[in-house]
Amino acid sequence: MRRDPLPIALAPQLPARGVPAAWRAPLVSLAVLLAIVIAAYFSTAKSMVGTWANSVTYNHGFVVVPIALWLIWRARERLRVIAPRPSLPVLALFAAAGSIWLIGQFGAVNALSQLGFVAMLVLTVPAVLGIAATKTILFPLGFLFFAVPIGDFLLPTLMERTADFTVAALRASGVPVYREGFLMVLPTGRWSVVEACSGVRYLIASVMTGMLFAYLSYTALWRRIVFVGVAIVVPIIANWIRAYMIVLLGHLTNNRLAVGVDHLIYGWIFFGFVMLVMFSIGARWREPASVAATRPATDRDIEPRAPASSRNVASATLAVAVLALLWPALEYATIRKVDAPVALHAVPVPGWQALPPSDSDWEPHFEFPAATLHERLQRNGMRGGIYVAYYRNQDAQSKVANSENRLASAEGGPWLQTLLGSTDVVLGGDAVRVSSSVLRGPGGRGVLAWRWYAIDGVLTSSDAEAKARTAWSRLRGRSDDAAVIVVYVDDAESAQATQALDDLAKAAWPALSGMLSTVRSD
């Protein structure tokens, strides 16, 4: 059965060249709104670009927007025959994205703020151009979310699995290896699985390119899903093999090869080869029909509705602009900056004596605290200490729960974190779960450390809870003061280490709690 052409009054007028008349006002409105969103949330956009520039894991962010724009350009012929019509129900989703951004700002959670920002940019399109136009370029719009530098939460799991495979493969190859957490000791030296060995950068790069390849090469949904699944699994397994081969090569050459920066170079060469093989195989099942995105449109593609009136476009533009400016205004109205400086002082710890600092002492690394306190102590030959990092007026760089805040360097160094777990300790009469870590230093020296946060009178070792409580405190109009407390003892292997650390935490907490209560500004 033949479909009759649309009446001329309903069909968009398609000039041979240039922008169709029905698109001119909506495109101008869209450009203005995108500029407003970027300007209103410029600090969030700037933090994203800063992460792209400073982290090799997220360097791909620089190409996401150009690729998305190119994909939209490919679909221009199909867009020309669609009558853009604003979709006001999308405003509810836009408001939800704004609230996500605001919560991220209150909790100093960069990823959440950035997700909300990108979501607002994406949702501006259906709000002004409508659902039909959005469906046509749905993948390019979704592709923009790859610009959000997120993935660090995968690091502990990926590092653990990489260490598991590497140790198992070495032992299967007849190489004796002793493992302690992320530390591996071989007869020829010791190796440690650090963040660069996790494979997260390979995984993110593979998933992004895999989704793009699947979109351009296939039209069948099942083919796309299968290829993206392969793009997830292959880099993980490839990274395991890469880590094993590097350690084995270093061992067989007595650490003459695959050490230092060489192992990163070898890793990228190996990963590049694996990706080349994967995409070569995927290309064998390429579907020629996938070029449909660039084919000329026919009357079957025409949206059978009249173009939106100028009044409707103006109303949608005004509504989006108001919502876009609402959330930064709410943040500004509720923000509370405390100008008073933070002054931390040494606290008495019954039964423990103060020691002078030493260059060989271990010290945690926390980014940009308002103030720090580090007391080194001793009791009956057992050395230990207390470390406090206090945060006030938190922002994207200076915040209590930050992936850059670590007990030891993530890229290797004189101290390495080898074991990570948790334990319960009674502080002030309440049972508190604290994070427990073992760190290795020069000469195999071991440190057993416990870490927890103190936020608005609540103690927790959870990063997520720390961020949520910080956001909740700001939502109530209170200050965002928060502290991270670390207590530790040397000789982590000794039978007395855990008991000594428990005694130190309980003895120090009453005075520490009192000091933090005095310093906190409500």
Protein backbone atom coordinates (compact mmCIF):
# COMPACT_ATOMS: atom_id res chain seq x y z
CA MET A 1 0.00 0.00 0.00
CA ARG A 2 1.36 3.40 -1.00
CA ARG A 3 1.44 6.18 1.57
CA ASP A 4 0.19 9.52 0.26
CA PRO A 5 2.48 12.50 0.61
CA LEU A 6 1.78 14.92 3.41
CA PRO A 7 -0.16 18.05 2.64
CA ILE A 8 2.09 20.91 1.74
CA ALA A 9 0.85 22.86 4.75
CA LEU A 10 2.10 20.18 7.13
CA ALA A 11 5.34 19.21 5.42
CA PRO A 12 8.42 21.21 6.39
CA GLN A 13 9.78 23.26 3.54
CA LEU A 14 13.15 21.84 2.52
CA PRO A 15 15.32 24.24 0.58
CA ALA A 16 18.03 22.69 -1.50
CA ARG A 17 20.66 24.33 0.63
CA GLY A 18 20.77 26.06 3.96
CA VAL A 19 18.76 25.62 7.13
CA PRO A 20 15.04 24.86 6.74
CA ALA A 21 12.81 27.74 7.83
CA ALA A 22 11.18 25.63 10.55
CA TRP A 23 14.59 25.03 12.16
CA ARG A 24 15.95 28.56 12.27
CA ALA A 25 14.31 29.88 15.44
CA PRO A 26 14.72 26.60 17.39
CA LEU A 27 18.41 26.36 16.47
CA VAL A 28 19.05 29.92 17.59
CA SER A 29 17.23 29.21 20.86
CA LEU A 30 19.21 26.00 21.32
CA ALA A 31 22.52 27.79 20.80
CA VAL A 32 21.56 30.52 23.27
CA LEU A 33 20.45 28.01 25.90
CA LEU A 34 23.58 25.88 25.56
CA ALA A 35 25.66 29.04 26.05
CA ILE A 36 23.61 29.92 29.14
CA VAL A 37 24.07 26.44 30.66
CA ILE A 38 27.80 26.45 30.03
CA ALA A 39 28.17 29.95 31.47
CA ALA A 40 26.02 29.21 34.53
CA TYR A 41 27.94 26.02 35.29
CA PHE A 42 31.33 27.17 34.05
CA SER A 43 33.17 26.02 37.18
CA THR A 44 31.85 22.48 36.63
CA ALA A 45 32.82 22.55 32.96
CA LYS A 46 36.25 23.87 33.89
CA SER A 47 36.78 21.05 36.41
CA MET A 48 35.94 18.49 33.72
CA VAL A 49 38.43 19.96 31.27
CA GLY A 50 41.04 20.13 34.03
CA THR A 51 40.60 16.41 34.69
CA TRP A 52 40.93 15.64 30.96
CA ALA A 53 44.19 17.56 30.86
CA ASN A 54 45.72 16.23 34.07
CA SER A 55 44.75 12.55 33.97
CA VAL A 56 45.81 10.19 31.19
CA THR A 57 42.82 8.04 32.09
CA TYR A 58 40.47 10.77 30.91
CA ASN A 59 42.40 12.39 28.04
CA HIS A 60 39.71 11.01 25.72
CA GLY A 61 37.37 13.72 27.00
CA PHE A 62 38.86 16.18 24.51
CA VAL A 63 37.53 14.20 21.52
CA VAL A 64 34.06 13.38 22.85
CA VAL A 65 32.37 16.64 21.82
CA PRO A 66 33.92 16.74 18.29
CA ILE A 67 32.87 13.12 17.71
CA ALA A 68 29.32 13.81 18.92
CA LEU A 69 29.07 16.86 16.64
CA TRP A 70 30.31 14.81 13.69
CA LEU A 71 27.71 12.11 14.38
CA ILE A 72 24.97 14.74 14.49
CA TRP A 73 26.23 16.20 11.20
CA ARG A 74 25.93 12.76 9.60
CA ALA A 75 22.23 12.74 10.50
CA ARG A 76 21.52 16.20 9.10
CA GLU A 77 19.45 14.97 6.13
CA ARG A 78 17.12 13.02 8.40
CA LEU A 79 16.83 15.97 10.77
CA ARG A 80 15.88 18.37 7.95
CA VAL A 81 12.52 16.67 7.39
CA ILE A 82 11.52 16.68 11.06
CA ALA A 83 9.48 19.57 12.36
CA PRO A 84 11.14 20.69 15.62
CA ARG A 85 8.59 21.05 18.41
CA PRO A 86 9.53 21.87 22.02
CA SER A 87 8.71 19.16 24.57
CA LEU A 88 7.70 20.78 27.84
CA PRO A 89 7.49 17.49 29.83
CA VAL A 90 11.27 17.23 29.42
CA LEU A 91 11.55 20.19 31.78
CA ALA A 92 10.88 17.83 34.69
CA LEU A 93 13.95 15.79 33.72
CA PHE A 94 15.92 18.99 33.30
CA ALA A 95 14.98 20.02 36.84
CA ALA A 96 16.03 16.57 38.12
CA ALA A 97 19.41 16.96 36.42
CA GLY A 98 19.80 20.35 38.06
CA SER A 99 19.04 18.90 41.47
CA ILE A 100 21.67 16.20 40.88
CA TRP A 101 24.17 18.94 40.12
CA LEU A 102 23.22 20.80 43.30
CA ILE A 103 23.58 17.70 45.49
CA GLY A 104 26.98 17.08 43.92
CA GLN A 105 28.00 20.64 44.73
CA PHE A 106 26.83 20.36 48.34
CA GLY A 107 28.66 17.08 48.83
CA ALA A 108 31.73 18.19 46.84
CA VAL A 109 31.21 15.16 44.56
CA ASN A 110 32.71 16.19 41.22
CA ALA A 111 31.34 13.25 39.25
CA LEU A 112 27.77 13.92 40.39
CA SER A 113 27.98 17.62 39.56
CA GLN A 114 29.47 16.84 36.15
CA LEU A 115 26.82 14.21 35.37
CA GLY A 116 24.10 16.73 36.20
CA PHE A 117 25.77 19.38 34.05
CA VAL A 118 26.10 17.12 30.99
CA ALA A 119 22.54 15.86 31.49
CA MET A 120 21.26 19.45 31.39
CA LEU A 121 23.15 20.08 28.15
CA VAL A 122 21.67 16.93 26.61
CA LEU A 123 18.12 17.58 27.85
CA THR A 124 18.18 21.07 26.38
CA VAL A 125 17.90 19.42 22.96
CA PRO A 126 14.53 17.66 23.42
CA ALA A 127 13.23 20.60 25.45
CA VAL A 128 13.66 22.89 22.41
CA LEU A 129 13.76 20.59 19.37
CA GLY A 130 11.38 17.89 20.57
CA ILE A 131 11.34 14.12 20.96
CA ALA A 132 11.37 13.22 17.25
CA ALA A 133 14.55 15.16 16.57
CA THR A 134 16.14 13.79 19.74
CA LYS A 135 15.44 10.19 18.74
CA THR A 136 17.27 10.79 15.47
CA ILE A 137 20.45 11.86 17.29
CA LEU A 138 19.96 9.89 20.51
CA PHE A 139 23.30 8.08 20.32
CA PRO A 140 25.41 11.23 19.71
CA LEU A 141 23.69 12.90 22.65
CA GLY A 142 24.26 9.88 24.88
CA PHE A 143 27.87 9.73 23.70
CA LEU A 144 28.46 13.10 25.40
CA PHE A 145 28.34 11.37 28.79
CA PHE A 146 31.76 9.89 28.01
CA ALA A 147 33.03 13.41 28.67
CA VAL A 148 32.33 12.91 32.38
CA PRO A 149 35.57 11.69 34.02
CA ILE A 150 34.13 8.85 36.05
CA GLY A 151 35.55 5.39 36.70
CA ASP A 152 37.84 5.74 39.70
CA PHE A 153 35.37 3.72 41.78
CA LEU A 154 36.43 0.67 39.76
CA LEU A 155 40.08 0.96 40.79
CA PRO A 156 40.11 -1.23 43.96
CA THR A 157 38.25 -4.08 42.25
CA LEU A 158 40.32 -3.95 39.05
CA MET A 159 43.58 -3.79 41.02
CA GLU A 160 42.53 -6.74 43.17
CA ARG A 161 41.60 -8.88 40.15
CA THR A 162 44.81 -7.94 38.34
CA ALA A 163 46.86 -9.02 41.36
CA ASP A 164 44.87 -12.28 41.62
CA PHE A 165 45.52 -13.22 38.00
CA THR A 166 49.16 -12.14 37.99
CA VAL A 167 50.02 -14.18 41.07
CA ALA A 168 48.11 -17.24 39.82
CA ALA A 169 49.77 -17.05 36.39
CA LEU A 170 53.26 -16.60 37.88
CA ARG A 171 52.81 -19.61 40.12
CA ALA A 172 51.48 -21.64 37.20
CA SER A 173 54.66 -20.66 35.33
CA GLY A 174 56.82 -22.01 38.13
CA VAL A 175 57.82 -18.62 39.54
CA PRO A 176 57.70 -18.47 43.35
CA VAL A 177 55.85 -15.40 44.56
CA TYR A 178 54.75 -14.10 47.94
CA ARG A 179 51.73 -11.82 47.94
CA GLU A 180 50.59 -9.33 50.53
CA GLY A 181 47.62 -7.40 49.22
CA PHE A 182 48.82 -5.50 46.14
CA LEU A 183 52.49 -6.27 46.88
CA MET A 184 54.18 -9.21 45.13
CA VAL A 185 57.64 -10.38 46.18
CA LEU A 186 59.66 -12.49 43.71
CA PRO A 187 63.21 -13.83 44.10
CA THR A 188 64.38 -11.05 41.77
CA GLY A 189 62.56 -8.18 43.44
CA ARG A 190 59.20 -6.86 44.46
CA TRP A 191 56.33 -5.55 42.37
CA SER A 192 53.19 -3.68 43.36
CA VAL A 193 49.87 -3.32 41.59
CA VAL A 194 49.25 0.44 41.57
CA GLU A 195 46.45 2.42 39.95
CA ALA A 196 48.27 2.56 36.60
CA CYS A 197 48.18 -1.27 36.59
CA SER A 198 44.43 -1.50 37.21
CA GLY A 199 43.59 -1.24 33.51
CA VAL A 200 40.82 1.31 34.08
CA ARG A 201 42.24 3.58 31.38
CA TYR A 202 42.25 0.70 28.89
CA LEU A 203 38.71 -0.26 29.90
CA ILE A 204 37.27 3.24 29.48
CA ALA A 205 39.03 3.76 26.14
CA SER A 206 37.83 0.38 24.89
CA VAL A 207 34.21 0.89 25.93
CA MET A 208 34.04 4.33 24.33
CA THR A 209 35.59 3.25 21.03
CA GLY A 210 33.66 -0.03 21.13
CA MET A 211 30.30 1.75 21.44
CA LEU A 212 31.22 4.12 18.63
CA PHE A 213 32.33 1.24 16.40
CA ALA A 214 29.14 -0.72 17.14
CA TYR A 215 26.95 2.29 16.34
CA LEU A 216 28.70 2.96 13.03
CA SER A 217 29.08 -0.68 11.96
CA TYR A 218 25.86 -2.41 12.99
CA THR A 219 22.13 -1.77 12.87
CA ALA A 220 20.98 -4.93 14.66
CA LEU A 221 20.67 -4.26 18.39
CA TRP A 222 21.96 -7.70 19.36
CA ARG A 223 25.15 -7.18 17.34
CA ARG A 224 25.75 -3.86 19.05
CA ILE A 225 25.20 -5.34 22.51
CA VAL A 226 27.50 -8.29 21.82
CA PHE A 227 30.31 -6.09 20.51
CA VAL A 228 30.07 -3.68 23.45
CA GLY A 229 30.18 -6.68 25.79
CA VAL A 230 33.33 -7.86 24.05
CA ALA A 231 34.76 -4.33 24.36
CA ILE A 232 34.26 -4.59 28.13
CA VAL A 233 35.63 -8.09 28.68
CA VAL A 234 38.63 -8.02 26.31
CA PRO A 235 40.52 -5.06 27.89
CA ILE A 236 40.09 -6.49 31.37
CA ILE A 237 41.55 -9.86 30.37
CA ALA A 238 44.19 -8.16 28.20
CA ASN A 239 45.30 -6.07 31.16
CA TRP A 240 45.68 -9.18 33.31
CA ILE A 241 47.86 -10.79 30.64
CA ARG A 242 49.80 -7.53 30.22
CA ALA A 243 50.57 -7.35 33.96
CA TYR A 244 51.64 -11.00 34.06
CA MET A 245 53.89 -10.65 31.01
CA ILE A 246 55.57 -7.51 32.38
CA VAL A 247 56.33 -9.08 35.76
CA LEU A 248 57.50 -12.31 34.11
CA LEU A 249 59.71 -10.41 31.66
CA GLY A 250 61.22 -8.39 34.48
CA HIS A 251 61.85 -11.56 36.48
CA LEU A 252 63.46 -13.47 33.57
CA THR A 253 65.77 -10.55 32.70
CA ASN A 254 66.66 -9.83 36.34
CA ASN A 255 64.77 -6.51 36.08
CA ARG A 256 66.68 -5.26 33.05
CA LEU A 257 63.50 -5.06 30.95
CA ALA A 258 59.89 -4.01 31.65
CA VAL A 259 60.79 -1.82 34.60
CA GLY A 260 60.28 1.89 35.12
CA VAL A 261 58.45 3.64 32.31
CA ASP A 262 59.15 0.72 29.97
CA HIS A 263 56.32 -1.36 31.41
CA LEU A 264 53.82 1.40 30.58
CA ILE A 265 55.11 1.61 27.01
CA TYR A 266 54.98 -2.16 26.60
CA GLY A 267 51.50 -2.12 28.09
CA TRP A 268 50.14 0.37 25.56
CA ILE A 269 51.77 -1.50 22.66
CA PHE A 270 50.19 -4.75 23.81
CA PHE A 271 46.82 -3.11 24.41
CA GLY A 272 46.93 -1.44 20.99
CA PHE A 273 47.58 -4.80 19.35
CA VAL A 274 44.70 -6.43 21.21
CA MET A 275 42.31 -3.63 20.24
CA LEU A 276 43.42 -3.86 16.60
CA VAL A 277 42.62 -7.58 16.56
CA MET A 278 39.25 -6.99 18.26
CA PHE A 279 38.13 -4.32 15.80
CA SER A 280 39.43 -6.33 12.84
CA ILE A 281 37.27 -9.27 13.88
CA GLY A 282 34.31 -6.97 14.51
CA ALA A 283 34.67 -5.49 11.02
CA ARG A 284 34.06 -8.93 9.46
CA TRP A 285 30.42 -8.72 10.62
CA ARG A 286 29.95 -5.11 9.55
CA GLU A 287 26.47 -4.38 8.22
CA PRO A 288 26.37 -2.19 5.09
CA ALA A 289 22.85 -1.08 6.01
CA SER A 290 24.33 0.86 8.91
CA VAL A 291 24.83 3.78 6.53
CA ALA A 292 21.11 4.51 6.94
CA ALA A 293 22.01 7.40 9.21
CA THR A 294 23.35 9.31 6.21
CA ARG A 295 20.80 8.35 3.56
CA PRO A 296 18.50 11.02 2.12
CA ALA A 297 15.16 11.31 3.84
CA THR A 298 11.85 10.37 2.23
CA ASP A 299 8.30 11.30 3.04
CA ARG A 300 8.14 8.32 5.42
CA ASP A 301 10.61 10.12 7.67
CA ILE A 302 8.68 13.36 7.79
CA GLU A 303 7.20 14.22 11.14
CA PRO A 304 3.47 14.54 10.32
CA ARG A 305 2.94 17.62 12.48
CA ALA A 306 3.14 21.32 11.84
CA PRO A 307 6.31 23.17 12.95
CA ALA A 308 6.19 24.81 16.34
CA SER A 309 5.06 28.40 16.54
CA SER A 310 7.49 31.13 17.56
CA ARG A 311 5.53 31.53 20.77
CA ASN A 312 6.04 27.88 21.73
CA VAL A 313 9.76 28.10 21.01
CA ALA A 314 10.06 31.28 23.06
CA SER A 315 8.13 29.75 25.98
CA ALA A 316 10.36 26.66 26.01
CA THR A 317 13.48 28.80 25.79
CA LEU A 318 12.41 30.94 28.71
CA ALA A 319 11.48 27.92 30.84
CA VAL A 320 14.83 26.19 30.24
CA ALA A 321 16.75 29.40 30.91
CA VAL A 322 14.95 29.93 34.23
CA LEU A 323 15.59 26.35 35.32
CA ALA A 324 19.23 26.54 34.25
CA LEU A 325 19.81 29.62 36.40
CA LEU A 326 17.78 28.35 39.36
CA TRP A 327 20.24 25.80 40.73
CA PRO A 328 23.35 28.03 40.85
CA ALA A 329 21.16 30.64 42.54
CA LEU A 330 20.06 28.09 45.15
CA GLU A 331 23.64 27.09 45.76
CA TYR A 332 24.66 30.71 46.22
CA ALA A 333 21.73 31.37 48.57
CA THR A 334 22.51 28.40 50.82
CA ILE A 335 26.29 28.46 50.77
CA ARG A 336 27.93 29.27 54.07
CA LYS A 337 31.55 30.32 54.05
CA VAL A 338 33.38 30.35 57.39
CA ASP A 339 36.21 32.87 57.46
CA ALA A 340 37.61 31.81 60.83
CA PRO A 341 40.92 29.92 60.49
CA VAL A 342 41.22 26.35 61.76
CA ALA A 343 43.64 25.88 64.65
CA LEU A 344 44.47 22.30 65.67
CA HIS A 345 46.61 21.65 68.73
CA ALA A 346 48.33 18.63 70.21
CA VAL A 347 46.16 16.57 72.53
CA PRO A 348 47.28 14.60 75.59
CA VAL A 349 47.18 10.82 75.18
CA PRO A 350 47.35 9.01 78.54
CA GLY A 351 50.16 6.45 78.68
CA TRP A 352 51.86 7.68 75.49
CA GLN A 353 54.82 10.05 75.22
CA ALA A 354 55.46 12.54 72.43
CA LEU A 355 58.35 11.94 70.02
CA PRO A 356 60.13 14.43 67.75
CA PRO A 357 59.45 14.10 64.00
CA SER A 358 61.80 12.12 61.80
CA ASP A 359 62.42 12.19 58.04
CA SER A 360 61.86 8.43 57.89
CA ASP A 361 58.40 8.63 59.44
CA TRP A 362 55.37 7.73 57.37
CA GLU A 363 52.81 10.45 56.78
CA PRO A 364 49.45 10.24 54.99
CA HIS A 365 48.80 12.38 51.93
CA PHE A 366 45.63 14.48 52.00
CA GLU A 367 44.94 17.22 49.47
CA PHE A 368 44.53 20.85 50.56
CA PRO A 369 43.18 20.56 54.11
CA ALA A 370 42.47 23.74 56.05
CA ALA A 371 44.75 22.46 58.83
CA THR A 372 46.62 19.30 59.83
CA LEU A 373 47.90 17.77 63.03
CA HIS A 374 50.50 14.99 63.24
CA GLU A 375 51.59 13.73 66.64
CA ARG A 376 54.23 11.02 66.89
CA LEU A 377 53.98 8.94 70.06
CA GLN A 378 55.64 6.07 71.89
CA ARG A 379 54.70 3.62 74.65
CA ASN A 380 56.87 0.79 75.98
CA GLY A 381 58.98 0.75 72.82
CA MET A 382 55.94 0.72 70.51
CA ARG A 383 55.93 3.72 68.19
CA GLY A 384 52.77 5.19 66.71
CA GLY A 385 51.01 8.43 65.94
CA ILE A 386 47.87 10.47 65.29
CA TYR A 387 47.15 12.35 62.10
CA VAL A 388 44.21 14.74 61.59
CA ALA A 389 43.33 16.58 58.36
CA TYR A 390 40.60 19.18 58.87
CA TYR A 391 38.50 20.57 56.02
CA ARG A 392 36.41 23.75 55.92
CA ASN A 393 34.70 25.49 52.99
CA GLN A 394 35.10 22.39 50.86
CA ASP A 395 35.24 22.59 47.08
CA ALA A 396 36.23 20.46 44.09
CA GLN A 397 39.91 20.38 45.11
CA SER A 398 39.76 20.66 48.90
CA LYS A 399 37.39 18.04 50.29
CA VAL A 400 37.53 15.45 53.01
CA ALA A 401 36.46 12.48 50.85
CA ASN A 402 38.64 12.70 47.77
CA SER A 403 40.10 10.02 45.51
CA GLU A 404 43.42 11.88 45.77
CA ASN A 405 43.47 11.51 49.58
CA ARG A 406 45.48 8.39 50.32
CA LEU A 407 47.54 6.78 53.03
CA ALA A 408 50.25 6.04 50.47
CA SER A 409 51.14 7.06 46.94
CA ALA A 410 49.01 5.51 44.21
CA GLU A 411 51.89 5.50 41.73
CA GLY A 412 54.51 3.80 43.84
CA GLY A 413 57.06 5.35 46.18
CA PRO A 414 58.81 4.69 49.46
CA TRP A 415 55.51 3.61 51.04
CA LEU A 416 52.94 1.24 49.53
CA GLN A 417 49.53 0.20 50.80
CA THR A 418 49.51 -3.59 50.73
CA LEU A 419 46.39 -4.58 52.65
CA LEU A 420 43.03 -2.86 53.00
CA GLY A 421 40.11 -3.93 55.13
CA SER A 422 37.94 -2.79 58.02
CA THR A 423 37.52 -3.46 61.70
CA ASP A 424 35.28 -2.36 64.57
CA VAL A 425 36.52 -0.25 67.43
CA VAL A 426 34.70 1.29 70.39
CA LEU A 427 35.17 5.07 70.55
CA GLY A 428 33.38 7.09 73.20
CA GLY A 429 31.16 4.16 74.05
CA ASP A 430 29.97 3.63 70.44
CA ALA A 431 31.10 0.89 68.08
CA VAL A 432 32.59 2.43 64.93
CA ARG A 433 33.71 0.62 61.79
CA VAL A 434 37.07 2.01 60.69
CA SER A 435 39.16 1.40 57.60
CA SER A 436 42.24 -0.73 58.35
CA SER A 437 45.39 -0.67 56.23
CA VAL A 438 48.89 -2.11 56.27
CA LEU A 439 51.61 -0.01 54.65
CA ARG A 440 55.11 -1.08 53.68
CA GLY A 441 58.05 1.28 53.72
CA PRO A 442 61.82 1.20 53.23
CA GLY A 443 63.43 -2.00 54.44
CA GLY A 444 60.07 -3.75 54.68
CA ARG A 445 59.00 -1.59 57.61
CA GLY A 446 55.30 -2.07 58.30
CA VAL A 447 52.66 0.33 59.63
CA LEU A 448 49.16 -0.65 60.76
CA ALA A 449 46.75 2.28 60.36
CA TRP A 450 43.07 2.93 61.10
CA ARG A 451 41.16 5.73 59.38
CA TRP A 452 37.73 7.29 59.88
CA TYR A 453 35.84 10.53 59.28
CA ALA A 454 34.20 12.85 61.82
CA ILE A 455 31.38 14.85 60.22
CA ASP A 456 28.73 16.77 62.16
CA GLY A 457 29.24 14.57 65.21
CA VAL A 458 29.01 11.31 63.23
CA LEU A 459 31.90 8.86 62.79
CA THR A 460 32.16 6.76 59.63
CA SER A 461 34.79 5.19 57.39
CA SER A 462 32.57 5.26 54.28
CA ASP A 463 33.50 7.78 51.60
CA ALA A 464 29.93 7.77 50.29
CA GLU A 465 28.45 8.45 53.72
CA ALA A 466 31.01 11.19 54.33
CA LYS A 467 29.96 12.93 51.11
CA ALA A 468 26.26 12.45 51.86
CA ARG A 469 26.58 13.89 55.37
CA THR A 470 28.57 16.84 54.07
CA ALA A 471 25.80 17.56 51.54
CA TRP A 472 23.10 17.16 54.20
CA SER A 473 24.90 19.56 56.51
CA ARG A 474 25.07 22.19 53.77
CA LEU A 475 21.44 21.64 52.79
CA ARG A 476 20.48 22.52 56.38
CA GLY A 477 22.46 25.74 56.15
CA ARG A 478 25.24 24.55 58.42
CA SER A 479 28.98 24.58 57.83
CA ASP A 480 30.67 21.76 55.95
CA ASP A 481 33.43 21.26 58.54
CA ALA A 482 34.76 17.71 58.48
CA ALA A 483 37.87 15.85 59.60
CA VAL A 484 39.66 12.64 58.73
CA ILE A 485 41.48 10.92 61.60
CA VAL A 486 44.27 8.38 61.19
CA VAL A 487 45.88 6.51 64.10
CA TYR A 488 48.73 4.11 63.49
CA VAL A 489 51.48 1.98 65.04
CA ASP A 490 54.72 0.56 63.68
CA ASP A 491 55.64 -3.14 63.59
CA ALA A 492 52.42 -4.17 61.86
CA GLU A 493 53.35 -7.88 62.07
CA SER A 494 53.88 -7.98 65.82
CA ALA A 495 51.27 -9.70 67.97
CA GLN A 496 50.88 -6.53 70.01
CA ALA A 497 50.25 -4.17 67.06
CA THR A 498 46.46 -4.47 66.90
CA GLN A 499 46.03 -4.22 70.67
CA ALA A 500 48.42 -1.27 70.88
CA LEU A 501 46.53 0.50 68.09
CA ASP A 502 43.21 -0.14 69.83
CA ASP A 503 44.63 1.28 73.07
CA LEU A 504 45.98 4.34 71.23
CA ALA A 505 42.67 5.06 69.49
CA LYS A 506 40.65 4.76 72.71
CA ALA A 507 43.12 6.80 74.74
CA ALA A 508 43.34 9.61 72.18
CA TRP A 509 39.71 9.88 71.14
CA PRO A 510 38.23 11.79 74.14
CA ALA A 511 40.73 14.63 73.73
CA LEU A 512 40.52 14.53 69.92
CA SER A 513 36.72 14.60 70.02
CA GLY A 514 36.76 17.58 72.36
CA MET A 515 39.19 19.47 70.16
CA LEU A 516 37.14 18.81 67.01
CA SER A 517 33.95 19.96 68.74
CA THR A 518 35.66 23.19 69.76
CA VAL A 519 37.06 23.85 66.31
CA ARG A 520 33.86 23.05 64.41
CA SER A 521 31.85 26.08 63.35
CA ASP A 522 28.07 25.60 63.40
